[in-house]
Amino acid sequence: ELGYTCYFAKDLSDRSGTLYLAILVKHGIKVSRKRGRKVRHYHGSSRTLFTRRRNLTECEESCSVLLSVERRWIRVVNCHLPLNVPIETRHEELRYLAEAHFCGAPMIITGDFNTFGHPVMNIIFGQLFGCRLSEIFIDEQKLVETFSRRYGLRKVARKVITFPHWIFDRLALLRDLRLSGGHLDHILVPQKFAVVWYKVIHKQFGSDHRATMVKIRLPDGVRI
């Protein structure tokens, strides 16, 4: 009814049921015959206090579609990286899904990366969510930037808040910590793509996160 085709993948499950990732493709945009691709993830979740109480399993699948935009093929990936694992495991998952979804076409990776990792956050909350003692001084925003460079991508925004939890509201004086700990949702685009604009929609649509939007321009000037 809304004029979109939906592609789904199993995201997470807990005692209340199962949630799904989705990619919506507007009617009229050509999709490869391969259509959507699902990648199964097998990392499991650390048995942290948080997961034991909710019986939670995250990041069960990621999904992608191969789109044709002005005769250019572009792979769009949607993922949700697990929170309740060591930081290195989370970034192993990011590298794994990049390799699994890669098909030779330019790739856009987007989703909730759960990049809470910051030295102060790790000391205060890390042990609740699976952070190892050896990872306490890791800043995950820097890890995302390193990953992006490795795969020819770049973050479209830095130091924005997409998870405005009350904890971060009360850390307003610690600006860098607040922006690092609250920037969980990322959009990574090929380095040759220009970002026309990016914004965070500060309204709740059934989620504790905020929606993000970006308009990008392809190297030949086409905007999407």
N, C-alpha and C. Protein backbone atom coordinates (compact mmCIF):
# COMPACT_ATOMS: atom_id res chain seq x y z
N GLU A 1 0.81 -1.20 0.00
CA GLU A 1 0.00 0.00 0.00
C GLU A 1 0.85 1.26 0.00
N LEU A 2 2.03 1.21 0.61
CA LEU A 2 2.90 2.37 0.68
C LEU A 2 3.83 2.48 -0.53
N GLY A 3 3.79 1.48 -1.39
CA GLY A 3 4.62 1.53 -2.58
C GLY A 3 6.04 1.04 -2.38
N TYR A 4 6.25 0.13 -1.43
CA TYR A 4 7.58 -0.41 -1.16
C TYR A 4 7.55 -1.93 -1.13
N THR A 5 8.64 -2.53 -1.52
CA THR A 5 8.86 -3.97 -1.34
C THR A 5 9.76 -4.15 -0.13
N CYS A 6 9.40 -5.07 0.75
CA CYS A 6 10.14 -5.26 2.00
C CYS A 6 10.97 -6.55 1.94
N TYR A 7 12.19 -6.44 2.45
CA TYR A 7 13.07 -7.59 2.59
C TYR A 7 13.43 -7.72 4.06
N PHE A 8 13.21 -8.92 4.63
CA PHE A 8 13.34 -9.11 6.06
C PHE A 8 14.46 -10.08 6.40
N ALA A 9 14.98 -9.92 7.62
CA ALA A 9 15.92 -10.89 8.20
C ALA A 9 15.64 -10.94 9.70
N LYS A 10 15.86 -12.09 10.29
CA LYS A 10 15.63 -12.27 11.72
C LYS A 10 16.69 -11.52 12.51
N ASP A 11 16.25 -10.62 13.37
CA ASP A 11 17.19 -9.76 14.10
C ASP A 11 17.52 -10.36 15.46
N LEU A 12 16.56 -10.33 16.37
CA LEU A 12 16.82 -10.82 17.72
C LEU A 12 15.58 -11.47 18.28
N SER A 13 15.77 -12.28 19.29
CA SER A 13 14.64 -12.94 19.96
C SER A 13 14.88 -12.96 21.45
N ASP A 14 13.80 -12.81 22.19
CA ASP A 14 13.86 -12.93 23.64
C ASP A 14 12.54 -13.52 24.10
N ARG A 15 12.27 -13.42 25.37
CA ARG A 15 11.07 -14.04 25.92
C ARG A 15 9.78 -13.48 25.34
N SER A 16 9.84 -12.25 24.85
CA SER A 16 8.63 -11.62 24.33
C SER A 16 8.36 -11.94 22.86
N GLY A 17 9.35 -12.54 22.16
CA GLY A 17 9.12 -12.88 20.77
C GLY A 17 10.33 -12.59 19.90
N THR A 18 10.08 -12.39 18.60
CA THR A 18 11.14 -12.19 17.62
C THR A 18 10.96 -10.85 16.92
N LEU A 19 12.07 -10.15 16.71
CA LEU A 19 12.07 -8.90 15.96
C LEU A 19 12.86 -9.09 14.67
N TYR A 20 12.55 -8.27 13.67
CA TYR A 20 13.16 -8.43 12.36
C TYR A 20 13.79 -7.14 11.86
N LEU A 21 14.85 -7.28 11.09
CA LEU A 21 15.41 -6.18 10.31
C LEU A 21 14.63 -6.07 9.01
N ALA A 22 14.59 -4.88 8.44
CA ALA A 22 13.87 -4.71 7.19
C ALA A 22 14.59 -3.71 6.29
N ILE A 23 14.54 -3.97 5.00
CA ILE A 23 14.97 -3.02 3.99
C ILE A 23 13.77 -2.77 3.08
N LEU A 24 13.38 -1.53 2.95
CA LEU A 24 12.24 -1.16 2.11
C LEU A 24 12.76 -0.56 0.81
N VAL A 25 12.34 -1.12 -0.30
CA VAL A 25 12.76 -0.64 -1.62
C VAL A 25 11.55 -0.09 -2.35
N LYS A 26 11.65 1.15 -2.75
CA LYS A 26 10.53 1.80 -3.42
C LYS A 26 10.25 1.15 -4.76
N HIS A 27 8.96 0.97 -5.05
CA HIS A 27 8.57 0.38 -6.33
C HIS A 27 9.12 1.22 -7.47
N GLY A 28 9.64 0.55 -8.48
CA GLY A 28 10.25 1.25 -9.61
C GLY A 28 11.75 1.17 -9.61
N ILE A 29 12.35 0.89 -8.43
CA ILE A 29 13.80 0.70 -8.35
C ILE A 29 14.11 -0.76 -8.68
N LYS A 30 14.97 -0.98 -9.62
CA LYS A 30 15.30 -2.34 -10.05
C LYS A 30 16.13 -3.05 -9.00
N VAL A 31 15.72 -4.27 -8.71
CA VAL A 31 16.44 -5.11 -7.75
C VAL A 31 16.99 -6.32 -8.49
N SER A 32 18.22 -6.70 -8.19
CA SER A 32 18.84 -7.85 -8.83
C SER A 32 17.99 -9.09 -8.68
N ARG A 33 18.11 -10.00 -9.65
CA ARG A 33 17.39 -11.26 -9.56
C ARG A 33 17.75 -12.03 -8.29
N LYS A 34 18.95 -11.76 -7.79
CA LYS A 34 19.35 -12.40 -6.53
C LYS A 34 18.50 -11.92 -5.37
N ARG A 35 17.87 -10.76 -5.60
CA ARG A 35 17.00 -10.16 -4.59
C ARG A 35 17.72 -9.99 -3.27
N GLY A 36 16.98 -10.24 -2.17
CA GLY A 36 17.59 -10.03 -0.86
C GLY A 36 18.55 -11.16 -0.50
N ARG A 37 19.54 -10.83 0.26
CA ARG A 37 20.49 -11.82 0.75
C ARG A 37 20.48 -11.80 2.27
N LYS A 38 20.34 -12.97 2.86
CA LYS A 38 20.40 -13.09 4.32
C LYS A 38 21.69 -13.79 4.70
N VAL A 39 22.32 -13.30 5.73
CA VAL A 39 23.54 -13.93 6.24
C VAL A 39 23.29 -14.33 7.69
N ARG A 40 23.47 -15.61 7.97
CA ARG A 40 23.26 -16.13 9.31
C ARG A 40 24.50 -15.87 10.15
N HIS A 41 24.30 -15.42 11.39
CA HIS A 41 25.40 -15.15 12.31
C HIS A 41 25.38 -16.17 13.44
N TYR A 42 26.57 -16.61 13.84
CA TYR A 42 26.66 -17.71 14.81
C TYR A 42 27.48 -17.36 16.04
N HIS A 43 27.69 -16.07 16.30
CA HIS A 43 28.57 -15.67 17.39
C HIS A 43 28.02 -16.05 18.75
N GLY A 44 26.69 -16.16 18.89
CA GLY A 44 26.08 -16.35 20.20
C GLY A 44 26.17 -15.07 21.01
N SER A 45 25.72 -15.09 22.23
CA SER A 45 25.78 -13.91 23.10
C SER A 45 26.45 -14.28 24.41
N SER A 46 27.21 -13.37 24.95
CA SER A 46 27.82 -13.60 26.25
C SER A 46 26.73 -13.77 27.29
N ARG A 47 26.97 -14.61 28.25
CA ARG A 47 25.99 -14.83 29.32
C ARG A 47 26.16 -13.74 30.38
N THR A 48 25.80 -12.54 30.01
CA THR A 48 25.87 -11.42 30.93
C THR A 48 24.59 -11.35 31.74
N LEU A 49 24.61 -10.53 32.78
CA LEU A 49 23.41 -10.32 33.59
C LEU A 49 22.25 -9.87 32.71
N PHE A 50 22.54 -8.99 31.75
CA PHE A 50 21.51 -8.45 30.88
C PHE A 50 20.86 -9.55 30.04
N THR A 51 21.64 -10.45 29.45
CA THR A 51 21.08 -11.49 28.60
C THR A 51 20.40 -12.57 29.41
N ARG A 52 20.93 -12.89 30.58
CA ARG A 52 20.31 -13.94 31.39
C ARG A 52 18.91 -13.54 31.81
N ARG A 53 18.71 -12.29 32.15
CA ARG A 53 17.41 -11.85 32.61
C ARG A 53 16.38 -11.84 31.49
N ARG A 54 16.82 -11.55 30.26
CA ARG A 54 15.88 -11.45 29.14
C ARG A 54 15.91 -12.67 28.22
N ASN A 55 16.84 -13.61 28.47
CA ASN A 55 17.03 -14.75 27.58
C ASN A 55 17.19 -14.25 26.14
N LEU A 56 18.10 -13.33 25.95
CA LEU A 56 18.22 -12.56 24.71
C LEU A 56 19.29 -13.12 23.78
N THR A 57 18.94 -13.24 22.51
CA THR A 57 19.90 -13.57 21.46
C THR A 57 19.80 -12.48 20.40
N GLU A 58 20.93 -11.83 20.09
CA GLU A 58 20.94 -10.72 19.15
C GLU A 58 21.66 -11.09 17.86
N CYS A 59 21.45 -10.27 16.85
CA CYS A 59 22.20 -10.35 15.60
C CYS A 59 22.14 -11.76 15.00
N GLU A 60 20.94 -12.30 14.85
CA GLU A 60 20.81 -13.64 14.30
C GLU A 60 21.05 -13.66 12.79
N GLU A 61 20.59 -12.60 12.11
CA GLU A 61 20.80 -12.49 10.67
C GLU A 61 21.03 -11.02 10.31
N SER A 62 21.69 -10.80 9.18
CA SER A 62 21.74 -9.48 8.57
C SER A 62 21.20 -9.64 7.15
N CYS A 63 20.80 -8.54 6.52
CA CYS A 63 20.19 -8.65 5.20
C CYS A 63 20.72 -7.56 4.28
N SER A 64 20.62 -7.81 2.98
CA SER A 64 21.05 -6.82 2.00
C SER A 64 20.27 -7.01 0.71
N VAL A 65 20.25 -5.97 -0.11
CA VAL A 65 19.66 -6.03 -1.44
C VAL A 65 20.61 -5.36 -2.42
N LEU A 66 20.58 -5.83 -3.65
CA LEU A 66 21.41 -5.28 -4.72
C LEU A 66 20.50 -4.47 -5.64
N LEU A 67 20.71 -3.14 -5.62
CA LEU A 67 19.83 -2.21 -6.33
C LEU A 67 20.52 -1.63 -7.56
N SER A 68 19.74 -1.31 -8.57
CA SER A 68 20.25 -0.63 -9.75
C SER A 68 19.78 0.82 -9.72
N VAL A 69 20.72 1.74 -9.61
CA VAL A 69 20.42 3.17 -9.59
C VAL A 69 21.14 3.82 -10.76
N GLU A 70 20.35 4.27 -11.74
CA GLU A 70 20.94 4.88 -12.94
C GLU A 70 22.03 3.99 -13.53
N ARG A 71 21.66 2.69 -13.71
CA ARG A 71 22.55 1.70 -14.32
C ARG A 71 23.78 1.38 -13.47
N ARG A 72 23.72 1.73 -12.21
CA ARG A 72 24.80 1.36 -11.29
C ARG A 72 24.24 0.40 -10.24
N TRP A 73 24.97 -0.68 -10.00
CA TRP A 73 24.56 -1.61 -8.95
C TRP A 73 25.16 -1.19 -7.62
N ILE A 74 24.30 -1.15 -6.59
CA ILE A 74 24.72 -0.77 -5.25
C ILE A 74 24.15 -1.78 -4.27
N ARG A 75 25.00 -2.32 -3.41
CA ARG A 75 24.55 -3.25 -2.37
C ARG A 75 24.28 -2.47 -1.10
N VAL A 76 23.05 -2.59 -0.55
CA VAL A 76 22.65 -1.93 0.69
C VAL A 76 22.48 -2.99 1.76
N VAL A 77 23.20 -2.83 2.87
CA VAL A 77 23.21 -3.81 3.95
C VAL A 77 22.59 -3.20 5.20
N ASN A 78 21.73 -3.95 5.86
CA ASN A 78 21.16 -3.53 7.14
C ASN A 78 21.55 -4.57 8.18
N CYS A 79 22.06 -4.10 9.32
CA CYS A 79 22.52 -5.03 10.35
C CYS A 79 22.24 -4.48 11.73
N HIS A 80 22.37 -5.35 12.71
CA HIS A 80 22.23 -4.98 14.12
C HIS A 80 23.30 -5.76 14.87
N LEU A 81 24.39 -5.10 15.22
CA LEU A 81 25.48 -5.80 15.89
C LEU A 81 25.13 -6.07 17.35
N PRO A 82 25.61 -7.19 17.89
CA PRO A 82 25.24 -7.57 19.25
C PRO A 82 25.86 -6.66 20.30
N LEU A 83 25.10 -6.40 21.33
CA LEU A 83 25.59 -5.58 22.45
C LEU A 83 26.30 -6.44 23.48
N ASN A 84 25.77 -7.62 23.76
CA ASN A 84 26.20 -8.40 24.91
C ASN A 84 27.33 -9.36 24.60
N VAL A 85 28.35 -8.82 23.96
CA VAL A 85 29.54 -9.61 23.62
C VAL A 85 30.76 -8.72 23.84
N PRO A 86 31.96 -9.28 23.88
CA PRO A 86 33.16 -8.45 23.94
C PRO A 86 33.23 -7.51 22.74
N ILE A 87 33.88 -6.38 22.91
CA ILE A 87 33.97 -5.39 21.83
C ILE A 87 34.59 -6.00 20.58
N GLU A 88 35.64 -6.78 20.73
CA GLU A 88 36.30 -7.38 19.57
C GLU A 88 35.36 -8.32 18.83
N THR A 89 34.52 -9.05 19.55
CA THR A 89 33.55 -9.95 18.90
C THR A 89 32.57 -9.14 18.06
N ARG A 90 32.15 -8.01 18.58
CA ARG A 90 31.22 -7.16 17.84
C ARG A 90 31.83 -6.70 16.52
N HIS A 91 33.11 -6.35 16.55
CA HIS A 91 33.74 -5.86 15.33
C HIS A 91 34.18 -6.99 14.41
N GLU A 92 34.36 -8.18 14.95
CA GLU A 92 34.52 -9.35 14.10
C GLU A 92 33.24 -9.58 13.29
N GLU A 93 32.10 -9.39 13.94
CA GLU A 93 30.82 -9.52 13.25
C GLU A 93 30.68 -8.51 12.12
N LEU A 94 31.14 -7.30 12.37
CA LEU A 94 31.06 -6.26 11.34
C LEU A 94 31.92 -6.64 10.14
N ARG A 95 33.12 -7.12 10.39
CA ARG A 95 33.98 -7.54 9.28
C ARG A 95 33.40 -8.76 8.56
N TYR A 96 32.83 -9.67 9.33
CA TYR A 96 32.24 -10.87 8.74
C TYR A 96 31.09 -10.53 7.80
N LEU A 97 30.20 -9.65 8.24
CA LEU A 97 29.05 -9.35 7.38
C LEU A 97 29.46 -8.55 6.15
N ALA A 98 30.51 -7.72 6.28
CA ALA A 98 31.00 -7.00 5.12
C ALA A 98 31.50 -7.96 4.05
N GLU A 99 32.24 -8.99 4.48
CA GLU A 99 32.75 -9.98 3.54
C GLU A 99 31.61 -10.84 2.97
N ALA A 100 30.66 -11.19 3.83
CA ALA A 100 29.58 -12.08 3.41
C ALA A 100 28.64 -11.42 2.41
N HIS A 101 28.42 -10.13 2.54
CA HIS A 101 27.49 -9.44 1.65
C HIS A 101 28.18 -8.85 0.42
N PHE A 102 29.50 -8.80 0.43
CA PHE A 102 30.21 -8.16 -0.67
C PHE A 102 30.00 -8.93 -1.97
N CYS A 103 29.77 -8.21 -3.06
CA CYS A 103 29.55 -8.85 -4.36
C CYS A 103 30.29 -8.13 -5.48
N GLY A 104 31.17 -7.20 -5.13
CA GLY A 104 31.91 -6.44 -6.13
C GLY A 104 31.33 -5.07 -6.41
N ALA A 105 30.07 -4.86 -6.06
CA ALA A 105 29.42 -3.56 -6.25
C ALA A 105 29.70 -2.66 -5.05
N PRO A 106 29.63 -1.33 -5.23
CA PRO A 106 29.75 -0.43 -4.07
C PRO A 106 28.75 -0.82 -2.99
N MET A 107 29.14 -0.68 -1.75
CA MET A 107 28.32 -1.17 -0.64
C MET A 107 28.05 -0.06 0.37
N ILE A 108 26.81 0.02 0.79
CA ILE A 108 26.40 0.91 1.87
C ILE A 108 26.00 0.03 3.04
N ILE A 109 26.60 0.26 4.21
CA ILE A 109 26.28 -0.53 5.41
C ILE A 109 25.64 0.40 6.43
N THR A 110 24.51 -0.01 6.93
CA THR A 110 23.79 0.82 7.89
C THR A 110 23.19 -0.04 8.98
N GLY A 111 22.95 0.55 10.14
CA GLY A 111 22.30 -0.19 11.20
C GLY A 111 22.73 0.26 12.58
N ASP A 112 22.22 -0.45 13.57
CA ASP A 112 22.58 -0.22 14.97
C ASP A 112 23.82 -1.04 15.27
N PHE A 113 24.96 -0.35 15.40
CA PHE A 113 26.23 -1.04 15.64
C PHE A 113 26.49 -1.26 17.14
N ASN A 114 25.65 -0.67 18.00
CA ASN A 114 25.83 -0.81 19.45
C ASN A 114 27.23 -0.41 19.91
N THR A 115 27.74 0.67 19.37
CA THR A 115 29.09 1.13 19.69
C THR A 115 29.11 1.97 20.96
N PHE A 116 28.78 1.33 22.07
CA PHE A 116 28.82 2.00 23.36
C PHE A 116 30.26 2.20 23.85
N GLY A 117 31.18 1.40 23.31
CA GLY A 117 32.53 1.33 23.87
C GLY A 117 33.27 2.66 23.90
N HIS A 118 33.61 3.07 25.09
CA HIS A 118 34.38 4.29 25.36
C HIS A 118 35.03 4.05 26.72
N PRO A 119 36.27 4.46 26.93
CA PRO A 119 36.94 4.11 28.19
C PRO A 119 36.11 4.33 29.45
N VAL A 120 35.47 5.48 29.57
CA VAL A 120 34.69 5.73 30.78
C VAL A 120 33.46 4.82 30.83
N MET A 121 32.77 4.68 29.70
CA MET A 121 31.60 3.81 29.65
C MET A 121 31.99 2.36 29.94
N ASN A 122 33.13 1.95 29.42
CA ASN A 122 33.58 0.57 29.65
C ASN A 122 33.83 0.30 31.12
N ILE A 123 34.42 1.27 31.81
CA ILE A 123 34.70 1.10 33.24
C ILE A 123 33.40 1.02 34.04
N ILE A 124 32.44 1.87 33.70
CA ILE A 124 31.19 1.94 34.48
C ILE A 124 30.24 0.80 34.15
N PHE A 125 30.02 0.54 32.85
CA PHE A 125 28.98 -0.39 32.43
C PHE A 125 29.50 -1.63 31.70
N GLY A 126 30.77 -1.63 31.33
CA GLY A 126 31.28 -2.68 30.46
C GLY A 126 31.04 -4.09 30.93
N GLN A 127 31.24 -4.35 32.23
CA GLN A 127 31.12 -5.71 32.73
C GLN A 127 29.67 -6.21 32.67
N LEU A 128 28.71 -5.30 32.60
CA LEU A 128 27.31 -5.71 32.46
C LEU A 128 27.01 -6.23 31.06
N PHE A 129 27.78 -5.76 30.08
CA PHE A 129 27.45 -6.05 28.69
C PHE A 129 28.53 -6.84 27.96
N GLY A 130 29.47 -7.44 28.66
CA GLY A 130 30.40 -8.34 28.01
C GLY A 130 31.77 -7.79 27.69
N CYS A 131 32.05 -6.54 28.01
CA CYS A 131 33.35 -5.94 27.72
C CYS A 131 34.44 -6.63 28.57
N ARG A 132 35.53 -7.01 27.93
CA ARG A 132 36.65 -7.62 28.65
C ARG A 132 37.49 -6.56 29.32
N LEU A 133 38.21 -6.97 30.36
CA LEU A 133 39.11 -6.03 31.05
C LEU A 133 40.17 -5.48 30.09
N SER A 134 40.61 -6.31 29.17
CA SER A 134 41.64 -5.88 28.21
C SER A 134 41.10 -4.87 27.20
N GLU A 135 39.78 -4.66 27.18
CA GLU A 135 39.16 -3.76 26.20
C GLU A 135 38.72 -2.43 26.81
N ILE A 136 39.01 -2.22 28.07
CA ILE A 136 38.49 -1.06 28.78
C ILE A 136 38.85 0.26 28.11
N PHE A 137 40.03 0.36 27.53
CA PHE A 137 40.48 1.64 26.99
C PHE A 137 40.19 1.79 25.49
N ILE A 138 39.31 0.96 24.96
CA ILE A 138 38.96 1.02 23.54
C ILE A 138 37.85 2.06 23.31
N ASP A 139 38.02 2.86 22.27
CA ASP A 139 36.98 3.78 21.80
C ASP A 139 36.43 3.19 20.51
N GLU A 140 35.18 2.72 20.55
CA GLU A 140 34.63 2.01 19.40
C GLU A 140 34.39 2.90 18.19
N GLN A 141 34.22 4.19 18.39
CA GLN A 141 34.04 5.07 17.24
C GLN A 141 35.28 5.02 16.35
N LYS A 142 36.45 4.91 16.96
CA LYS A 142 37.69 4.82 16.20
C LYS A 142 37.79 3.49 15.47
N LEU A 143 37.26 2.42 16.09
CA LEU A 143 37.26 1.12 15.43
C LEU A 143 36.38 1.14 14.18
N VAL A 144 35.25 1.83 14.26
CA VAL A 144 34.36 1.93 13.09
C VAL A 144 35.06 2.69 11.97
N GLU A 145 35.78 3.75 12.33
CA GLU A 145 36.50 4.51 11.31
C GLU A 145 37.61 3.69 10.67
N THR A 146 38.30 2.88 11.47
CA THR A 146 39.33 2.00 10.93
C THR A 146 38.73 0.97 9.98
N PHE A 147 37.62 0.38 10.39
CA PHE A 147 36.91 -0.58 9.53
C PHE A 147 36.49 0.08 8.22
N SER A 148 35.95 1.29 8.31
CA SER A 148 35.48 1.99 7.12
C SER A 148 36.60 2.21 6.13
N ARG A 149 37.74 2.67 6.60
CA ARG A 149 38.88 2.89 5.71
C ARG A 149 39.33 1.59 5.04
N ARG A 150 39.31 0.51 5.80
CA ARG A 150 39.76 -0.78 5.27
C ARG A 150 38.88 -1.22 4.09
N TYR A 151 37.60 -0.93 4.16
CA TYR A 151 36.67 -1.38 3.12
C TYR A 151 36.27 -0.26 2.16
N GLY A 152 37.03 0.82 2.15
CA GLY A 152 36.76 1.89 1.21
C GLY A 152 35.48 2.65 1.50
N LEU A 153 35.10 2.69 2.78
CA LEU A 153 33.87 3.37 3.20
C LEU A 153 34.22 4.56 4.09
N ARG A 154 33.20 5.33 4.46
CA ARG A 154 33.38 6.38 5.43
C ARG A 154 32.07 6.64 6.16
N LYS A 155 32.18 7.09 7.39
CA LYS A 155 31.00 7.46 8.17
C LYS A 155 30.43 8.76 7.63
N VAL A 156 29.11 8.82 7.50
CA VAL A 156 28.52 10.06 7.00
C VAL A 156 28.39 11.11 8.10
N ALA A 157 28.55 10.69 9.36
CA ALA A 157 28.43 11.66 10.46
C ALA A 157 29.31 11.22 11.62
N ARG A 158 29.79 12.19 12.37
CA ARG A 158 30.57 11.93 13.57
C ARG A 158 29.98 12.71 14.74
N LYS A 159 30.05 12.11 15.91
CA LYS A 159 29.63 12.77 17.13
C LYS A 159 28.20 13.30 17.05
N VAL A 160 27.29 12.40 16.73
CA VAL A 160 25.87 12.70 16.80
C VAL A 160 25.24 11.71 17.78
N ILE A 161 24.11 12.07 18.34
CA ILE A 161 23.44 11.22 19.31
C ILE A 161 22.24 10.57 18.66
N THR A 162 22.24 9.25 18.58
CA THR A 162 21.10 8.53 18.03
C THR A 162 20.41 7.67 19.09
N PHE A 163 20.97 7.68 20.30
CA PHE A 163 20.39 6.92 21.41
C PHE A 163 20.36 7.84 22.63
N PRO A 164 19.36 8.72 22.71
CA PRO A 164 19.35 9.74 23.79
C PRO A 164 18.80 9.21 25.11
N HIS A 165 19.49 8.25 25.67
CA HIS A 165 19.09 7.70 26.96
C HIS A 165 19.33 8.73 28.06
N TRP A 166 18.57 8.64 29.13
CA TRP A 166 18.69 9.63 30.21
C TRP A 166 20.12 9.69 30.77
N ILE A 167 20.84 8.55 30.70
CA ILE A 167 22.22 8.56 31.19
C ILE A 167 23.05 9.59 30.44
N PHE A 168 22.87 9.65 29.13
CA PHE A 168 23.66 10.57 28.32
C PHE A 168 23.18 12.01 28.48
N ASP A 169 21.89 12.18 28.76
CA ASP A 169 21.39 13.53 29.03
C ASP A 169 22.08 14.12 30.25
N ARG A 170 22.38 13.27 31.21
CA ARG A 170 23.01 13.75 32.44
C ARG A 170 24.53 13.85 32.32
N LEU A 171 25.05 13.44 31.18
CA LEU A 171 26.48 13.58 30.92
C LEU A 171 26.74 14.73 29.96
N ALA A 172 25.84 15.69 29.95
CA ALA A 172 25.94 16.79 28.99
C ALA A 172 27.26 17.55 29.12
N LEU A 173 27.81 17.63 30.34
CA LEU A 173 29.05 18.36 30.53
C LEU A 173 30.25 17.60 29.95
N LEU A 174 30.11 16.27 29.88
CA LEU A 174 31.18 15.45 29.31
C LEU A 174 30.86 15.22 27.83
N ARG A 175 31.04 16.25 27.05
CA ARG A 175 30.53 16.26 25.67
C ARG A 175 31.05 15.09 24.84
N ASP A 176 32.34 14.85 24.84
CA ASP A 176 32.89 13.79 24.01
C ASP A 176 32.37 12.42 24.42
N LEU A 177 32.27 12.19 25.73
CA LEU A 177 31.75 10.91 26.21
C LEU A 177 30.30 10.76 25.81
N ARG A 178 29.53 11.81 25.98
CA ARG A 178 28.10 11.76 25.65
C ARG A 178 27.89 11.46 24.18
N LEU A 179 28.67 12.11 23.32
CA LEU A 179 28.50 11.93 21.88
C LEU A 179 29.01 10.56 21.44
N SER A 180 30.07 10.09 22.08
CA SER A 180 30.59 8.78 21.72
C SER A 180 29.65 7.68 22.18
N GLY A 181 29.24 7.74 23.44
CA GLY A 181 28.37 6.70 23.97
C GLY A 181 26.98 6.68 23.38
N GLY A 182 26.52 7.82 22.85
CA GLY A 182 25.17 7.88 22.31
C GLY A 182 25.09 7.75 20.80
N HIS A 183 26.25 7.58 20.14
CA HIS A 183 26.25 7.42 18.68
C HIS A 183 26.34 5.93 18.37
N LEU A 184 25.17 5.29 18.25
CA LEU A 184 25.12 3.85 18.04
C LEU A 184 24.75 3.47 16.61
N ASP A 185 24.00 4.33 15.95
CA ASP A 185 23.45 4.00 14.63
C ASP A 185 24.28 4.69 13.55
N HIS A 186 24.78 3.89 12.63
CA HIS A 186 25.75 4.39 11.66
C HIS A 186 25.28 4.16 10.23
N ILE A 187 25.73 5.02 9.34
CA ILE A 187 25.57 4.83 7.90
C ILE A 187 26.96 4.98 7.29
N LEU A 188 27.43 3.93 6.66
CA LEU A 188 28.74 3.93 6.02
C LEU A 188 28.54 3.88 4.51
N VAL A 189 29.16 4.79 3.79
CA VAL A 189 28.98 4.87 2.34
C VAL A 189 30.36 4.81 1.68
N PRO A 190 30.42 4.43 0.39
CA PRO A 190 31.70 4.43 -0.31
C PRO A 190 32.35 5.81 -0.28
N GLN A 191 33.66 5.83 -0.20
CA GLN A 191 34.39 7.10 -0.07
C GLN A 191 34.15 8.03 -1.26
N LYS A 192 33.87 7.47 -2.44
CA LYS A 192 33.65 8.30 -3.62
C LYS A 192 32.26 8.91 -3.67
N PHE A 193 31.36 8.49 -2.78
CA PHE A 193 30.01 9.05 -2.73
C PHE A 193 30.03 10.32 -1.89
N ALA A 194 29.41 11.38 -2.36
CA ALA A 194 29.35 12.63 -1.61
C ALA A 194 28.08 12.66 -0.76
N VAL A 195 28.19 13.17 0.46
CA VAL A 195 27.03 13.31 1.34
C VAL A 195 26.42 14.68 1.12
N VAL A 196 25.17 14.71 0.65
CA VAL A 196 24.46 15.98 0.41
C VAL A 196 23.94 16.52 1.73
N TRP A 197 23.25 15.68 2.49
CA TRP A 197 22.83 16.06 3.84
C TRP A 197 22.58 14.81 4.67
N TYR A 198 22.62 15.01 5.99
CA TYR A 198 22.40 13.93 6.96
C TYR A 198 21.63 14.53 8.14
N LYS A 199 20.69 13.80 8.68
CA LYS A 199 19.98 14.31 9.85
C LYS A 199 19.46 13.17 10.72
N VAL A 200 19.30 13.49 11.98
CA VAL A 200 18.71 12.58 12.95
C VAL A 200 17.31 13.10 13.27
N ILE A 201 16.32 12.23 13.20
CA ILE A 201 14.94 12.61 13.51
C ILE A 201 14.69 12.32 14.98
N HIS A 202 14.59 13.36 15.77
CA HIS A 202 14.47 13.19 17.22
C HIS A 202 13.02 12.98 17.64
N LYS A 203 12.47 11.89 17.14
CA LYS A 203 11.13 11.44 17.53
C LYS A 203 11.19 9.94 17.71
N GLN A 204 10.30 9.42 18.54
CA GLN A 204 10.26 7.99 18.76
C GLN A 204 9.23 7.34 17.85
N PHE A 205 9.66 6.31 17.14
CA PHE A 205 8.77 5.54 16.27
C PHE A 205 8.76 4.09 16.73
N GLY A 206 8.44 3.89 18.00
CA GLY A 206 8.41 2.54 18.54
C GLY A 206 9.77 1.99 18.88
N SER A 207 10.79 2.86 18.98
CA SER A 207 12.15 2.41 19.28
C SER A 207 12.79 3.35 20.28
N ASP A 208 13.79 2.83 21.02
CA ASP A 208 14.55 3.69 21.92
C ASP A 208 15.64 4.44 21.16
N HIS A 209 15.86 4.09 19.90
CA HIS A 209 16.82 4.80 19.06
C HIS A 209 16.09 5.86 18.22
N ARG A 210 16.86 6.66 17.53
CA ARG A 210 16.28 7.67 16.65
C ARG A 210 16.59 7.32 15.19
N ALA A 211 15.65 7.65 14.33
CA ALA A 211 15.84 7.38 12.90
C ALA A 211 16.88 8.35 12.34
N THR A 212 17.66 7.88 11.37
CA THR A 212 18.63 8.72 10.70
C THR A 212 18.36 8.69 9.20
N MET A 213 18.66 9.79 8.53
CA MET A 213 18.44 9.90 7.10
C MET A 213 19.66 10.52 6.43
N VAL A 214 19.92 10.13 5.20
CA VAL A 214 21.03 10.70 4.45
C VAL A 214 20.67 10.78 2.98
N LYS A 215 21.09 11.82 2.32
CA LYS A 215 21.02 11.91 0.86
C LYS A 215 22.44 11.93 0.35
N ILE A 216 22.73 11.04 -0.61
CA ILE A 216 24.08 10.94 -1.13
C ILE A 216 24.09 11.19 -2.63
N ARG A 217 25.21 11.63 -3.12
CA ARG A 217 25.38 11.88 -4.55
C ARG A 217 26.44 10.93 -5.09
N LEU A 218 26.09 10.21 -6.14
CA LEU A 218 27.04 9.30 -6.77
C LEU A 218 28.10 10.09 -7.52
N PRO A 219 29.21 9.46 -7.86
CA PRO A 219 30.29 10.19 -8.54
C PRO A 219 29.89 10.91 -9.80
N ASP A 220 28.83 10.44 -10.50
CA ASP A 220 28.41 11.10 -11.72
C ASP A 220 27.32 12.14 -11.49
N GLY A 221 27.04 12.45 -10.21
CA GLY A 221 26.09 13.51 -9.88
C GLY A 221 24.70 13.04 -9.55
N VAL A 222 24.39 11.74 -9.70
CA VAL A 222 23.07 11.23 -9.38
C VAL A 222 22.86 11.22 -7.87
N ARG A 223 21.70 11.72 -7.42
CA ARG A 223 21.41 11.76 -5.99
C ARG A 223 20.43 10.67 -5.62
N ILE A 224 20.65 10.04 -4.44
CA ILE A 224 19.74 9.02 -3.94
C ILE A 224 19.53 9.21 -2.44
